[in-house]
Amino acid sequence: MRVCIYSRVSTGRQDADNQTAVLEDWAGQRGYEIAAQYTEIESAWKAGHQKELARLLEDARKRKFEAVLVWALDRLSREGALAILKLVDSLRLHGVRVLSYRESWTEAPGDLAELLYALTGWVARMESDNLSPATINQRLAGVRFYVHLAKRAGWVSWEVEVEGPKAEKVKDTRGPTREEFVEILKITHALQGETASRNRLMIYMFAFMALRVDSVLSIDTEHIDIRRKIVKVKWKGKKQRVARPIPDHTLEAMKVWLKERGKHDGPLFENFDNAEKGDGRLTRRSAHRIVAHIGKRAGIDGLHPHSFRHFSATEALALSDGNRHKTRKHTGHSSDKVLDLYDDERDDLARDMAQTIESEWLG
């Protein structure tokens, strides 16, 4: 089989030589004929001029080789897994495979490689939907478990080698600042169109009730008791729904949305998808997109539904003069461990200490 070698390296020549030597040896072990080599210098990627990659793609269209050998799939792109898979698909259209030294599953025959590429894309999609590394890895572990059972039963001879994202050790508990939240409210109150009341209520429930996105989106109309001002929501770690109080302005926003929505049963937060997929419930992905759009208009990058839970916890501590008991009742945290992080955000102790040291030395 005719192959080419593609390397993306730093400006150091040794890095290129190391990758190339390994890939040449790998090709030799498998009896591949090396038809071409392409080496991209890292500075070209930073400048947006990937001439070697462009040359590779042009040669792929001319069928000069049947496979591209890379040290690792992430050598193909610095823009994440989805960009890599798009590039892999474009090469496959010309009958060219991508074989990775580090991801040995790329050598798997036919349908198996297709499946593992699909799993890689699934993981990448979850990352783009802002799911936490823990959630993604938990789902991937479930897939690994069932494949392992299938292997033990003799149905398959392979394992899932697709890696999940690394979980960050430091938890970011920063929500929007008070100044940013003022802008968010201005934008939320000015929303227009058929989704305005729905989206306004959703933001209120995230920010003022400290509810997680899954808790909000899983609410059906039957879970709401307007007279008693409560809503029964799914709660992390609980098998049964938990009754949560609805504050006054959020209750009024809920009444407005329910009137516009209509009296039929079903999801409180409906989508407006003409395809009418599933039960018509607003998806997690859509909720993230709505919040991110509001954040962008407010000049806040990376705003997501859980940002409002962080904001609500910090506000609870600030407005209760640091009362942990009241804040736990509000957020549902079972211990003070996470509240310590929110308390640090409220006082901004790190900033105060840095400012103190700086003032001592710089005046």
Protein backbone atom coordinates (compact mmCIF):
# COMPACT_ATOMS: atom_id res chain seq x y z
CA MET A 1 0.00 0.00 0.00
CA ARG A 2 1.31 3.44 -0.93
CA VAL A 3 1.29 5.85 2.01
CA CYS A 4 2.46 9.32 2.91
CA ILE A 5 3.76 10.68 6.21
CA TYR A 6 2.37 13.90 7.67
CA SER A 7 4.00 15.61 10.65
CA ARG A 8 3.15 18.81 12.48
CA VAL A 9 6.12 19.92 14.52
CA SER A 10 7.64 22.81 16.41
CA THR A 11 10.46 24.79 14.83
CA GLY A 12 12.92 22.34 16.36
CA ARG A 13 14.24 19.91 13.72
CA GLN A 14 14.69 17.13 16.28
CA ASP A 15 10.92 16.96 16.86
CA ALA A 16 10.36 16.37 13.14
CA ASP A 17 13.10 13.77 12.92
CA ASN A 18 11.72 11.83 15.88
CA GLN A 19 8.18 11.65 14.47
CA THR A 20 9.37 10.81 10.98
CA ALA A 21 11.71 8.07 12.17
CA VAL A 22 8.96 6.35 14.12
CA LEU A 23 6.48 6.57 11.25
CA GLU A 24 9.05 5.35 8.70
CA ASP A 25 9.81 2.36 10.93
CA TRP A 26 6.06 1.72 11.37
CA ALA A 27 5.56 1.79 7.60
CA GLY A 28 8.48 -0.57 7.08
CA GLN A 29 7.10 -3.09 9.58
CA ARG A 30 3.85 -3.25 7.62
CA GLY A 31 5.43 -3.29 4.20
CA TYR A 32 4.04 0.08 3.15
CA GLU A 33 5.63 2.09 0.33
CA ILE A 34 6.25 5.71 1.36
CA ALA A 35 5.21 7.83 -1.61
CA ALA A 36 5.57 11.27 -0.01
CA GLN A 37 6.34 13.13 3.20
CA TYR A 38 4.83 16.41 4.43
CA THR A 39 6.16 18.37 7.41
CA GLU A 40 4.21 21.38 8.72
CA ILE A 41 6.04 23.83 10.98
CA GLU A 42 3.97 24.91 14.00
CA SER A 43 4.38 28.60 13.13
CA ALA A 44 2.54 27.95 9.85
CA TRP A 45 -0.48 26.75 11.83
CA LYS A 46 -0.41 29.80 14.03
CA ALA A 47 -0.31 32.05 10.96
CA GLY A 48 -3.09 30.11 9.27
CA HIS A 49 -0.95 28.98 6.32
CA GLN A 50 -0.91 25.18 6.25
CA LYS A 51 0.79 24.77 2.86
CA GLU A 52 1.93 21.22 3.47
CA LEU A 53 -1.57 20.10 4.47
CA ALA A 54 -2.99 21.79 1.38
CA ARG A 55 -0.39 19.99 -0.75
CA LEU A 56 -1.29 16.68 0.91
CA LEU A 57 -4.99 17.18 0.18
CA GLU A 58 -4.26 18.02 -3.45
CA ASP A 59 -2.10 14.89 -3.82
CA ALA A 60 -4.86 12.85 -2.17
CA ARG A 61 -7.27 14.06 -4.85
CA LYS A 62 -4.74 12.84 -7.44
CA ARG A 63 -4.66 9.40 -5.70
CA LYS A 64 -0.90 9.52 -5.16
CA PHE A 65 -1.28 7.40 -2.01
CA GLU A 66 -3.86 5.26 -0.23
CA ALA A 67 -3.23 6.24 3.39
CA VAL A 68 -1.80 9.05 5.52
CA LEU A 69 0.39 8.07 8.46
CA VAL A 70 0.40 10.44 11.44
CA TRP A 71 1.93 10.30 14.90
CA ALA A 72 -1.49 11.08 16.41
CA LEU A 73 -4.81 12.29 15.05
CA ASP A 74 -4.39 15.65 16.74
CA ARG A 75 -1.44 16.30 14.42
CA LEU A 76 -3.99 16.92 11.65
CA SER A 77 -5.62 19.93 13.31
CA ARG A 78 -5.31 22.21 16.31
CA GLU A 79 -9.06 22.95 16.24
CA GLY A 80 -10.40 19.90 18.06
CA ALA A 81 -11.86 16.49 17.28
CA LEU A 82 -14.69 17.69 15.03
CA ALA A 83 -12.24 19.45 12.71
CA ILE A 84 -10.07 16.33 12.64
CA LEU A 85 -13.01 14.08 11.75
CA LYS A 86 -14.08 16.48 9.00
CA LEU A 87 -10.59 16.27 7.52
CA VAL A 88 -10.58 12.45 7.83
CA ASP A 89 -13.93 12.31 6.01
CA SER A 90 -12.66 14.55 3.20
CA LEU A 91 -9.68 12.23 2.68
CA ARG A 92 -11.89 9.15 2.70
CA LEU A 93 -13.91 10.64 -0.17
CA HIS A 94 -10.75 10.20 -2.27
CA GLY A 95 -10.16 6.66 -1.01
CA VAL A 96 -7.46 7.70 1.45
CA ARG A 97 -7.37 6.35 5.02
CA VAL A 98 -5.77 8.04 8.01
CA LEU A 99 -3.65 5.72 10.18
CA SER A 100 -2.44 6.97 13.55
CA TYR A 101 0.54 5.51 15.37
CA ARG A 102 -0.90 6.39 18.78
CA GLU A 103 -4.54 5.51 17.99
CA SER A 104 -4.03 1.91 16.85
CA TRP A 105 -7.78 1.45 16.32
CA THR A 106 -7.50 3.50 13.12
CA GLU A 107 -6.01 0.36 11.54
CA ALA A 108 -9.12 -1.66 12.36
CA PRO A 109 -10.85 -3.19 9.34
CA GLY A 110 -13.91 -1.64 7.68
CA ASP A 111 -16.96 -1.35 9.89
CA LEU A 112 -14.99 -1.41 13.15
CA ALA A 113 -12.98 1.69 12.22
CA GLU A 114 -16.24 3.36 11.15
CA LEU A 115 -17.75 2.61 14.56
CA LEU A 116 -14.73 3.90 16.48
CA TYR A 117 -14.58 7.08 14.39
CA ALA A 118 -18.29 7.53 15.14
CA LEU A 119 -17.58 7.15 18.87
CA THR A 120 -14.82 9.75 18.59
CA GLY A 121 -17.26 12.10 16.90
CA TRP A 122 -19.84 11.40 19.61
CA VAL A 123 -17.33 12.35 22.31
CA ALA A 124 -16.37 15.49 20.39
CA ARG A 125 -20.02 16.47 19.99
CA MET A 126 -20.59 16.11 23.75
CA GLU A 127 -17.58 18.34 24.38
CA SER A 128 -18.94 20.96 21.98
CA ASP A 129 -22.26 20.79 23.86
CA ASN A 130 -20.32 21.75 27.02
CA LEU A 131 -20.99 18.52 28.88
CA SER A 132 -18.56 18.05 31.76
CA PRO A 133 -15.61 15.66 31.32
CA ALA A 134 -17.06 13.54 34.13
CA THR A 135 -20.39 13.14 32.29
CA ILE A 136 -18.69 12.32 28.98
CA ASN A 137 -16.36 9.78 30.57
CA GLN A 138 -19.25 8.17 32.43
CA ARG A 139 -21.17 7.66 29.18
CA LEU A 140 -18.06 6.39 27.40
CA ALA A 141 -17.46 3.97 30.29
CA GLY A 142 -20.96 2.59 29.72
CA VAL A 143 -20.13 1.88 26.08
CA ARG A 144 -16.84 0.23 27.09
CA PHE A 145 -18.66 -1.95 29.62
CA TYR A 146 -21.13 -3.38 27.09
CA VAL A 147 -18.41 -3.91 24.49
CA HIS A 148 -16.38 -5.74 27.13
CA LEU A 149 -19.37 -8.00 27.88
CA ALA A 150 -19.76 -8.65 24.14
CA LYS A 151 -16.07 -9.59 23.92
CA ARG A 152 -16.38 -12.00 26.85
CA ALA A 153 -19.36 -13.61 25.14
CA GLY A 154 -17.28 -14.05 21.98
CA TRP A 155 -19.38 -11.70 19.86
CA VAL A 156 -16.53 -9.24 19.19
CA SER A 157 -12.74 -9.43 19.43
CA TRP A 158 -11.97 -5.80 20.13
CA GLU A 159 -12.21 -3.17 22.87
CA VAL A 160 -13.12 0.52 22.74
CA GLU A 161 -9.87 2.49 22.61
CA VAL A 162 -11.44 5.92 22.17
CA GLU A 163 -10.29 8.26 24.96
CA GLY A 164 -12.54 10.68 26.80
CA PRO A 165 -11.54 14.20 27.87
CA LYS A 166 -9.37 14.68 30.91
CA ALA A 167 -11.32 15.95 33.92
CA GLU A 168 -10.07 19.23 35.30
CA LYS A 169 -8.95 19.02 38.91
CA VAL A 170 -9.88 22.63 39.63
CA LYS A 171 -13.58 23.40 39.61
CA ASP A 172 -14.49 26.76 38.09
CA THR A 173 -17.30 28.24 40.17
CA ARG A 174 -17.31 31.68 38.61
CA GLY A 175 -20.69 32.81 37.39
CA PRO A 176 -21.43 36.19 35.84
CA THR A 177 -20.53 39.20 37.96
CA ARG A 178 -23.25 41.50 39.24
CA GLU A 179 -22.41 44.02 36.51
CA GLU A 180 -22.63 41.30 33.87
CA PHE A 181 -25.89 40.02 35.30
CA VAL A 182 -27.40 43.52 34.97
CA GLU A 183 -26.65 43.34 31.24
CA ILE A 184 -28.05 39.82 31.03
CA LEU A 185 -31.31 40.97 32.63
CA LYS A 186 -31.57 43.92 30.24
CA ILE A 187 -31.22 41.61 27.27
CA THR A 188 -33.57 39.00 28.78
CA HIS A 189 -36.29 41.58 29.45
CA ALA A 190 -35.96 42.96 25.92
CA LEU A 191 -36.39 39.58 24.20
CA GLN A 192 -38.99 39.53 21.44
CA GLY A 193 -40.78 36.82 19.46
CA GLU A 194 -42.52 33.55 20.18
CA THR A 195 -39.67 32.20 22.33
CA ALA A 196 -39.15 35.34 24.44
CA SER A 197 -41.37 34.38 27.41
CA ARG A 198 -40.05 30.83 27.40
CA ASN A 199 -36.41 31.88 27.39
CA ARG A 200 -36.99 34.59 30.01
CA LEU A 201 -38.55 32.04 32.38
CA MET A 202 -35.69 29.61 31.78
CA ILE A 203 -33.08 32.25 32.70
CA TYR A 204 -35.06 33.17 35.83
CA MET A 205 -35.19 29.53 36.98
CA PHE A 206 -31.46 29.09 36.40
CA ALA A 207 -30.47 32.33 38.15
CA PHE A 208 -33.01 32.80 40.94
CA MET A 209 -33.75 29.17 41.82
CA ALA A 210 -30.20 27.78 41.27
CA LEU A 211 -31.59 24.88 39.24
CA ARG A 212 -29.45 22.68 37.03
CA VAL A 213 -30.25 22.56 33.33
CA ASP A 214 -31.56 18.98 33.48
CA SER A 215 -33.82 19.86 36.40
CA VAL A 216 -35.35 22.75 34.44
CA LEU A 217 -35.75 20.99 31.10
CA SER A 218 -37.35 17.86 32.62
CA ILE A 219 -40.27 19.82 34.13
CA ASP A 220 -43.72 18.93 32.78
CA THR A 221 -46.83 21.04 33.41
CA GLU A 222 -48.12 18.40 35.84
CA HIS A 223 -45.14 19.11 38.12
CA ILE A 224 -46.21 22.73 38.69
CA ASP A 225 -48.51 23.89 41.50
CA ILE A 226 -49.23 27.56 40.87
CA ARG A 227 -51.43 27.96 43.96
CA ARG A 228 -48.76 26.62 46.34
CA LYS A 229 -45.94 28.29 44.38
CA ILE A 230 -43.88 25.12 44.01
CA VAL A 231 -42.51 22.99 41.22
CA LYS A 232 -41.33 19.39 41.55
CA VAL A 233 -37.98 18.90 39.85
CA LYS A 234 -35.49 16.12 39.29
CA TRP A 235 -32.75 16.51 41.86
CA LYS A 236 -29.19 15.25 41.69
CA GLY A 237 -28.80 12.17 43.91
CA LYS A 238 -32.55 11.82 44.53
CA LYS A 239 -34.82 9.14 43.06
CA GLN A 240 -37.98 11.14 43.64
CA ARG A 241 -38.70 14.65 42.44
CA VAL A 242 -38.10 17.41 44.97
CA ALA A 243 -40.51 20.30 45.58
CA ARG A 244 -38.81 23.68 45.12
CA PRO A 245 -40.34 27.07 45.93
CA ILE A 246 -40.96 29.47 43.05
CA PRO A 247 -40.15 33.14 43.86
CA ASP A 248 -42.72 35.78 42.93
CA HIS A 249 -41.27 37.25 39.72
CA THR A 250 -40.38 33.81 38.42
CA LEU A 251 -43.94 32.69 39.16
CA GLU A 252 -45.34 35.62 37.17
CA ALA A 253 -42.99 34.81 34.28
CA MET A 254 -44.20 31.20 34.46
CA LYS A 255 -47.84 32.29 34.28
CA VAL A 256 -47.10 34.41 31.20
CA TRP A 257 -45.35 31.54 29.46
CA LEU A 258 -48.05 29.01 30.39
CA LYS A 259 -50.70 31.30 28.94
CA GLU A 260 -48.77 31.68 25.68
CA ARG A 261 -47.87 28.00 25.59
CA GLY A 262 -51.44 26.78 26.01
CA LYS A 263 -53.14 24.44 28.47
CA HIS A 264 -52.05 21.11 26.94
CA ASP A 265 -50.00 18.67 28.98
CA GLY A 266 -46.34 17.93 28.33
CA PRO A 267 -42.96 19.66 28.71
CA LEU A 268 -42.98 23.10 30.28
CA PHE A 269 -40.14 24.15 27.98
CA GLU A 270 -41.16 23.16 24.47
CA ASN A 271 -39.05 23.55 21.38
CA PHE A 272 -40.24 25.17 18.19
CA ASP A 273 -38.80 22.54 15.88
CA ASN A 274 -41.06 22.00 12.90
CA ALA A 275 -39.74 18.45 12.61
CA GLU A 276 -41.46 17.68 15.94
CA LYS A 277 -38.79 15.29 17.14
CA GLY A 278 -39.28 13.34 20.38
CA ASP A 279 -41.80 14.70 22.86
CA GLY A 280 -41.25 18.30 21.79
CA ARG A 281 -39.08 19.10 24.80
CA LEU A 282 -36.41 21.78 24.53
CA THR A 283 -33.05 20.00 24.35
CA ARG A 284 -30.01 20.57 26.52
CA ARG A 285 -28.09 21.61 23.45
CA SER A 286 -30.70 24.23 22.59
CA ALA A 287 -30.66 25.59 26.15
CA HIS A 288 -26.87 25.97 25.97
CA ARG A 289 -27.18 27.72 22.61
CA ILE A 290 -29.84 30.15 23.92
CA VAL A 291 -27.79 31.05 26.99
CA ALA A 292 -24.57 31.40 24.99
CA HIS A 293 -26.33 33.75 22.57
CA ILE A 294 -27.59 35.94 25.42
CA GLY A 295 -24.09 35.91 26.90
CA LYS A 296 -22.56 36.95 23.58
CA ARG A 297 -24.96 39.89 23.35
CA ALA A 298 -23.94 40.87 26.89
CA GLY A 299 -20.26 40.61 25.97
CA ILE A 300 -19.68 37.44 28.01
CA ASP A 301 -17.81 34.57 26.37
CA GLY A 302 -18.57 31.01 27.43
CA LEU A 303 -21.81 31.71 29.34
CA HIS A 304 -23.71 28.47 29.95
CA PRO A 305 -26.75 27.44 32.04
CA HIS A 306 -24.66 26.26 35.00
CA SER A 307 -23.02 29.71 35.16
CA PHE A 308 -26.29 30.96 36.64
CA ARG A 309 -26.23 28.31 39.36
CA HIS A 310 -22.77 29.58 40.31
CA PHE A 311 -24.12 33.13 40.31
CA SER A 312 -27.12 32.13 42.45
CA ALA A 313 -24.96 30.34 45.03
CA THR A 314 -22.60 33.30 45.33
CA GLU A 315 -25.55 35.71 45.65
CA ALA A 316 -27.14 33.49 48.32
CA LEU A 317 -24.00 33.71 50.42
CA ALA A 318 -23.66 37.46 49.88
CA LEU A 319 -27.28 38.33 50.65
CA SER A 320 -27.45 36.05 53.70
CA ASP A 321 -24.20 37.40 55.13
CA GLY A 322 -22.48 34.07 54.55
CA ASN A 323 -25.22 31.89 56.06
CA ARG A 324 -24.20 28.36 54.93
CA HIS A 325 -27.42 26.71 56.13
CA LYS A 326 -29.67 29.01 54.08
CA THR A 327 -27.41 28.71 51.05
CA ARG A 328 -27.41 24.89 51.22
CA LYS A 329 -31.21 24.96 51.37
CA HIS A 330 -31.21 27.15 48.27
CA THR A 331 -28.69 25.23 46.15
CA GLY A 332 -29.21 21.73 47.51
CA HIS A 333 -25.54 21.13 48.29
CA SER A 334 -25.17 18.48 50.97
CA SER A 335 -21.95 19.86 52.49
CA ASP A 336 -19.92 23.03 52.85
CA LYS A 337 -17.09 21.76 50.61
CA VAL A 338 -18.42 23.36 47.42
CA LEU A 339 -19.77 26.36 49.32
CA ASP A 340 -16.20 27.13 50.38
CA LEU A 341 -15.42 27.74 46.70
CA TYR A 342 -18.41 30.03 46.29
CA ASP A 343 -17.48 31.88 49.47
CA ASP A 344 -14.01 32.47 48.04
CA GLU A 345 -15.61 33.86 44.87
CA ARG A 346 -17.86 36.11 46.97
CA ASP A 347 -14.96 37.58 48.93
CA ASP A 348 -12.50 37.23 46.04
CA LEU A 349 -9.81 36.40 48.58
CA ALA A 350 -7.18 35.61 45.96
CA ARG A 351 -7.63 39.02 44.34
CA ASP A 352 -7.52 40.81 47.70
CA MET A 353 -4.30 39.03 48.67
CA ALA A 354 -2.64 39.72 45.31
CA GLN A 355 -3.62 43.39 45.57
CA THR A 356 -2.22 43.59 49.11
CA ILE A 357 1.14 42.14 48.08
CA GLU A 358 1.33 44.36 45.01
CA SER A 359 0.53 47.48 47.07
CA GLU A 360 3.22 46.55 49.57
CA TRP A 361 5.89 46.48 46.87
CA LEU A 362 4.65 48.85 44.19
CA GLY A 363 2.66 51.29 46.28
